[in-house]
């Protein structure tokens, strides 16, 4: 009796978001966040922000969408920045580092595109490993109530983040 070698794990592929990915992305976001996603402060930002598909990425595994990170162009006061979110990963892929890979790829793309800073609303213990911190964003005002300790920034160059988040 011969033993068959186990199949290699499926390869994870990160690709820039495409227009045709939208239905799968929306379905993933619905599964990840439910209907409550539309009342979050981050959603208020996305209502007036400019979507940046070239900085937004999808994670694919065996042809299936397993994660997404989206980026949006906004201003904090007069400072142009990029707003990260949503970040969502399928429940079956959450322990595999997919979210972290998506955050790293989106930040690398923002830096390479000449963006000065990435802003987000999230948990500092998770995002600190990617260079995000609450201190640089302490004077940022979101368009609706939010726990200020969850407003995080990662600067690639010196920036003065003071004022309200608004459209570009």
C-alpha atoms as a PDB file:
ATOM      1  CA  UNK A   1       0.000   0.000   0.000  1.00  0.00           C
ATOM      2  CA  UNK A   2       1.494   3.329  -1.025  1.00  0.00           C
ATOM      3  CA  UNK A   3       0.985   6.535   0.851  1.00  0.00           C
ATOM      4  CA  UNK A   4      -0.138   9.461  -1.236  1.00  0.00           C
ATOM      5  CA  UNK A   5       1.641  12.698  -0.439  1.00  0.00           C
ATOM      6  CA  UNK A   6      -0.694  15.327   0.916  1.00  0.00           C
ATOM      7  CA  UNK A   7      -1.638  18.077  -1.462  1.00  0.00           C
ATOM      8  CA  UNK A   8       0.118  21.372  -0.924  1.00  0.00           C
ATOM      9  CA  UNK A   9      -1.988  24.033   0.733  1.00  0.00           C
ATOM     10  CA  UNK A  10      -3.751  26.327  -1.710  1.00  0.00           C
ATOM     11  CA  UNK A  11      -1.747  29.377  -2.649  1.00  0.00           C
ATOM     12  CA  UNK A  12      -2.937  32.736  -1.420  1.00  0.00           C
ATOM     13  CA  UNK A  13      -2.815  35.398  -4.103  1.00  0.00           C
ATOM     14  CA  UNK A  14      -3.214  39.124  -3.429  1.00  0.00           C
ATOM     15  CA  UNK A  15      -4.502  41.145  -6.369  1.00  0.00           C
ATOM     16  CA  UNK A  16      -5.673  44.737  -6.778  1.00  0.00           C
ATOM     17  CA  UNK A  17      -9.440  45.050  -6.541  1.00  0.00           C
ATOM     18  CA  UNK A  18     -11.293  45.008  -9.869  1.00  0.00           C
ATOM     19  CA  UNK A  19     -14.780  46.272 -10.661  1.00  0.00           C
ATOM     20  CA  UNK A  20     -16.003  42.738 -11.349  1.00  0.00           C
ATOM     21  CA  UNK A  21     -14.967  41.709  -7.800  1.00  0.00           C
ATOM     22  CA  UNK A  22     -17.582  44.009  -6.271  1.00  0.00           C
ATOM     23  CA  UNK A  23     -20.455  41.489  -5.845  1.00  0.00           C
ATOM     24  CA  UNK A  24     -18.166  38.981  -4.101  1.00  0.00           C
ATOM     25  CA  UNK A  25     -16.680  41.737  -1.931  1.00  0.00           C
ATOM     26  CA  UNK A  26     -20.098  43.011  -0.862  1.00  0.00           C
ATOM     27  CA  UNK A  27     -21.159  39.460   0.036  1.00  0.00           C
ATOM     28  CA  UNK A  28     -17.987  38.980   2.108  1.00  0.00           C
ATOM     29  CA  UNK A  29     -18.521  42.318   3.882  1.00  0.00           C
ATOM     30  CA  UNK A  30     -22.119  41.339   4.672  1.00  0.00           C
ATOM     31  CA  UNK A  31     -20.939  38.035   6.174  1.00  0.00           C
ATOM     32  CA  UNK A  32     -18.126  39.684   8.123  1.00  0.00           C
ATOM     33  CA  UNK A  33     -19.969  42.712   9.519  1.00  0.00           C
ATOM     34  CA  UNK A  34     -23.688  42.181   9.014  1.00  0.00           C
ATOM     35  CA  UNK A  35     -26.137  45.028   8.499  1.00  0.00           C
ATOM     36  CA  UNK A  36     -24.546  47.010  11.351  1.00  0.00           C
ATOM     37  CA  UNK A  37     -21.648  47.929   9.075  1.00  0.00           C
ATOM     38  CA  UNK A  38     -23.671  50.770   7.581  1.00  0.00           C
ATOM     39  CA  UNK A  39     -24.004  52.686  10.865  1.00  0.00           C
ATOM     40  CA  UNK A  40     -20.300  52.806  11.760  1.00  0.00           C
ATOM     41  CA  UNK A  41     -18.273  56.019  11.739  1.00  0.00           C
ATOM     42  CA  UNK A  42     -16.013  54.521   9.075  1.00  0.00           C
ATOM     43  CA  UNK A  43     -18.999  54.198   6.763  1.00  0.00           C
ATOM     44  CA  UNK A  44     -19.655  57.939   7.142  1.00  0.00           C
ATOM     45  CA  UNK A  45     -16.107  58.535   5.870  1.00  0.00           C
ATOM     46  CA  UNK A  46     -16.637  56.290   2.867  1.00  0.00           C
ATOM     47  CA  UNK A  47     -19.773  58.231   1.921  1.00  0.00           C
ATOM     48  CA  UNK A  48     -17.704  61.274   0.906  1.00  0.00           C
ATOM     49  CA  UNK A  49     -14.277  59.738   0.250  1.00  0.00           C
ATOM     50  CA  UNK A  50     -12.773  58.930  -3.135  1.00  0.00           C
ATOM     51  CA  UNK A  51     -12.312  55.180  -3.553  1.00  0.00           C
ATOM     52  CA  UNK A  52      -8.728  54.165  -4.402  1.00  0.00           C
ATOM     53  CA  UNK A  53      -9.000  50.806  -6.198  1.00  0.00           C
ATOM     54  CA  UNK A  54      -5.280  50.831  -7.047  1.00  0.00           C
ATOM     55  CA  UNK A  55      -4.556  50.747  -3.275  1.00  0.00           C
ATOM     56  CA  UNK A  56      -7.282  48.190  -2.471  1.00  0.00           C
ATOM     57  CA  UNK A  57      -6.607  44.459  -2.554  1.00  0.00           C
ATOM     58  CA  UNK A  58      -8.391  41.121  -2.608  1.00  0.00           C
ATOM     59  CA  UNK A  59      -7.005  37.857  -1.253  1.00  0.00           C
ATOM     60  CA  UNK A  60      -7.839  34.828  -3.392  1.00  0.00           C
ATOM     61  CA  UNK A  61      -7.387  31.173  -2.514  1.00  0.00           C
ATOM     62  CA  UNK A  62      -8.192  28.532  -5.128  1.00  0.00           C
ATOM     63  CA  UNK A  63     -10.269  31.081  -7.037  1.00  0.00           C
ATOM     64  CA  UNK A  64     -12.339  32.023  -3.991  1.00  0.00           C
ATOM     65  CA  UNK A  65     -12.315  35.468  -2.393  1.00  0.00           C
ATOM     66  CA  UNK A  66     -11.118  35.050   1.209  1.00  0.00           C
ATOM     67  CA  UNK A  67     -10.281  38.649   2.137  1.00  0.00           C
ATOM     68  CA  UNK A  68     -10.431  42.283   1.125  1.00  0.00           C
ATOM     69  CA  UNK A  69      -8.991  45.617   2.190  1.00  0.00           C
ATOM     70  CA  UNK A  70     -10.219  48.885   0.726  1.00  0.00           C
ATOM     71  CA  UNK A  71      -8.581  52.316   0.715  1.00  0.00           C
ATOM     72  CA  UNK A  72     -10.117  55.759   0.301  1.00  0.00           C
ATOM     73  CA  UNK A  73      -8.629  59.217  -0.269  1.00  0.00           C
ATOM     74  CA  UNK A  74      -9.666  61.875   2.253  1.00  0.00           C
ATOM     75  CA  UNK A  75      -8.234  64.888   4.061  1.00  0.00           C
ATOM     76  CA  UNK A  76      -7.633  65.488   7.744  1.00  0.00           C
ATOM     77  CA  UNK A  77      -7.917  69.251   7.934  1.00  0.00           C
ATOM     78  CA  UNK A  78      -5.881  70.190   4.850  1.00  0.00           C
ATOM     79  CA  UNK A  79      -3.638  67.084   4.927  1.00  0.00           C
ATOM     80  CA  UNK A  80      -4.373  64.477   2.199  1.00  0.00           C
ATOM     81  CA  UNK A  81      -4.356  60.955   3.669  1.00  0.00           C
ATOM     82  CA  UNK A  82      -5.676  57.504   2.845  1.00  0.00           C
ATOM     83  CA  UNK A  83      -8.401  55.887   4.952  1.00  0.00           C
ATOM     84  CA  UNK A  84      -8.153  52.092   5.329  1.00  0.00           C
ATOM     85  CA  UNK A  85     -11.299  50.058   5.634  1.00  0.00           C
ATOM     86  CA  UNK A  86     -13.119  47.909   5.549  1.00  0.00           C
ATOM     87  CA  UNK A  87     -10.780  45.004   6.162  1.00  0.00           C
ATOM     88  CA  UNK A  88     -12.611  41.678   6.075  1.00  0.00           C
ATOM     89  CA  UNK A  89     -11.523  38.048   5.996  1.00  0.00           C
ATOM     90  CA  UNK A  90     -13.687  34.934   5.646  1.00  0.00           C
ATOM     91  CA  UNK A  91     -14.188  33.195   8.987  1.00  0.00           C
ATOM     92  CA  UNK A  92     -12.405  30.073   7.698  1.00  0.00           C
ATOM     93  CA  UNK A  93      -9.261  32.096   6.859  1.00  0.00           C
ATOM     94  CA  UNK A  94      -9.027  34.400   9.894  1.00  0.00           C
ATOM     95  CA  UNK A  95      -6.238  32.591  11.721  1.00  0.00           C
ATOM     96  CA  UNK A  96      -3.960  32.361   8.698  1.00  0.00           C
ATOM     97  CA  UNK A  97      -2.614  35.908   8.626  1.00  0.00           C
ATOM     98  CA  UNK A  98      -4.654  36.954   5.594  1.00  0.00           C
ATOM     99  CA  UNK A  99      -5.778  40.215   7.212  1.00  0.00           C
ATOM    100  CA  UNK A 100      -2.224  41.162   8.070  1.00  0.00           C
ATOM    101  CA  UNK A 101      -1.002  40.452   4.554  1.00  0.00           C
ATOM    102  CA  UNK A 102      -3.768  42.642   3.146  1.00  0.00           C
ATOM    103  CA  UNK A 103      -2.946  45.526   5.514  1.00  0.00           C
ATOM    104  CA  UNK A 104       0.765  45.286   4.690  1.00  0.00           C
ATOM    105  CA  UNK A 105       0.113  45.212   0.932  1.00  0.00           C
ATOM    106  CA  UNK A 106      -2.281  48.184   1.085  1.00  0.00           C
ATOM    107  CA  UNK A 107       0.195  50.225   3.145  1.00  0.00           C
ATOM    108  CA  UNK A 108       3.074  49.351   0.811  1.00  0.00           C
ATOM    109  CA  UNK A 109       0.973  50.472  -2.158  1.00  0.00           C
ATOM    110  CA  UNK A 110       0.000  53.736  -0.425  1.00  0.00           C
ATOM    111  CA  UNK A 111       3.626  54.505   0.417  1.00  0.00           C
ATOM    112  CA  UNK A 112       4.763  53.666  -3.125  1.00  0.00           C
ATOM    113  CA  UNK A 113       2.021  55.943  -4.517  1.00  0.00           C
ATOM    114  CA  UNK A 114       3.415  58.849  -2.507  1.00  0.00           C
ATOM    115  CA  UNK A 115       0.656  58.998   0.096  1.00  0.00           C
ATOM    116  CA  UNK A 116       1.803  60.573   3.362  1.00  0.00           C
ATOM    117  CA  UNK A 117      -0.316  58.635   5.840  1.00  0.00           C
ATOM    118  CA  UNK A 118      -2.881  55.879   6.311  1.00  0.00           C
ATOM    119  CA  UNK A 119      -5.688  56.437   8.816  1.00  0.00           C
ATOM    120  CA  UNK A 120      -8.134  53.851  10.167  1.00  0.00           C
ATOM    121  CA  UNK A 121     -10.538  53.024  12.982  1.00  0.00           C
ATOM    122  CA  UNK A 122      -9.558  49.766  14.667  1.00  0.00           C
ATOM    123  CA  UNK A 123      -7.935  47.952  17.560  1.00  0.00           C
ATOM    124  CA  UNK A 124      -4.462  49.266  18.328  1.00  0.00           C
ATOM    125  CA  UNK A 125      -3.218  45.896  19.670  1.00  0.00           C
ATOM    126  CA  UNK A 126      -3.908  44.353  16.245  1.00  0.00           C
ATOM    127  CA  UNK A 127      -2.779  47.242  14.020  1.00  0.00           C
ATOM    128  CA  UNK A 128       0.303  48.305  16.032  1.00  0.00           C
ATOM    129  CA  UNK A 129       2.350  45.507  14.430  1.00  0.00           C
ATOM    130  CA  UNK A 130       1.822  47.267  11.085  1.00  0.00           C
ATOM    131  CA  UNK A 131       3.037  50.626  12.418  1.00  0.00           C
ATOM    132  CA  UNK A 132      -0.326  52.147  13.419  1.00  0.00           C
ATOM    133  CA  UNK A 133      -0.746  54.111  16.647  1.00  0.00           C
ATOM    134  CA  UNK A 134      -3.372  56.293  18.306  1.00  0.00           C
ATOM    135  CA  UNK A 135      -1.021  59.126  19.294  1.00  0.00           C
ATOM    136  CA  UNK A 136      -0.490  60.586  15.784  1.00  0.00           C
ATOM    137  CA  UNK A 137      -4.292  60.620  15.283  1.00  0.00           C
ATOM    138  CA  UNK A 138      -5.256  62.155  18.640  1.00  0.00           C
ATOM    139  CA  UNK A 139      -6.413  65.426  16.998  1.00  0.00           C
ATOM    140  CA  UNK A 140      -8.359  63.774  14.166  1.00  0.00           C
ATOM    141  CA  UNK A 141     -12.118  64.320  14.277  1.00  0.00           C
ATOM    142  CA  UNK A 142     -14.274  61.670  12.655  1.00  0.00           C
ATOM    143  CA  UNK A 143     -17.617  62.595  11.037  1.00  0.00           C
ATOM    144  CA  UNK A 144     -19.626  60.737  13.702  1.00  0.00           C
ATOM    145  CA  UNK A 145     -18.975  59.557  17.270  1.00  0.00           C
ATOM    146  CA  UNK A 146     -16.117  57.098  17.706  1.00  0.00           C
ATOM    147  CA  UNK A 147     -13.842  56.020  20.564  1.00  0.00           C
ATOM    148  CA  UNK A 148     -10.845  58.289  19.883  1.00  0.00           C
ATOM    149  CA  UNK A 149      -8.413  55.583  21.077  1.00  0.00           C
ATOM    150  CA  UNK A 150      -9.504  53.522  18.041  1.00  0.00           C
ATOM    151  CA  UNK A 151      -8.548  56.220  15.527  1.00  0.00           C
ATOM    152  CA  UNK A 152      -5.081  55.133  14.387  1.00  0.00           C
ATOM    153  CA  UNK A 153      -2.526  56.442  11.915  1.00  0.00           C
ATOM    154  CA  UNK A 154       0.603  55.235  10.182  1.00  0.00           C
ATOM    155  CA  UNK A 155       2.669  58.030   8.646  1.00  0.00           C
ATOM    156  CA  UNK A 156       5.215  57.452   5.889  1.00  0.00           C
ATOM    157  CA  UNK A 157       6.367  61.076   6.085  1.00  0.00           C
ATOM    158  CA  UNK A 158       5.885  63.820   8.678  1.00  0.00           C
ATOM    159  CA  UNK A 159       2.249  64.954   8.683  1.00  0.00           C
ATOM    160  CA  UNK A 160       0.146  67.186  10.922  1.00  0.00           C
ATOM    161  CA  UNK A 161      -3.086  65.315  11.535  1.00  0.00           C
ATOM    162  CA  UNK A 162      -5.374  67.905  13.050  1.00  0.00           C
ATOM    163  CA  UNK A 163      -8.967  68.566  12.156  1.00  0.00           C
ATOM    164  CA  UNK A 164     -11.980  66.848  10.709  1.00  0.00           C
ATOM    165  CA  UNK A 165     -11.874  64.021   8.208  1.00  0.00           C
ATOM    166  CA  UNK A 166     -13.381  65.322   4.972  1.00  0.00           C
ATOM    167  CA  UNK A 167     -13.422  64.578   1.261  1.00  0.00           C
ATOM    168  CA  UNK A 168     -10.576  65.675  -0.971  1.00  0.00           C
END
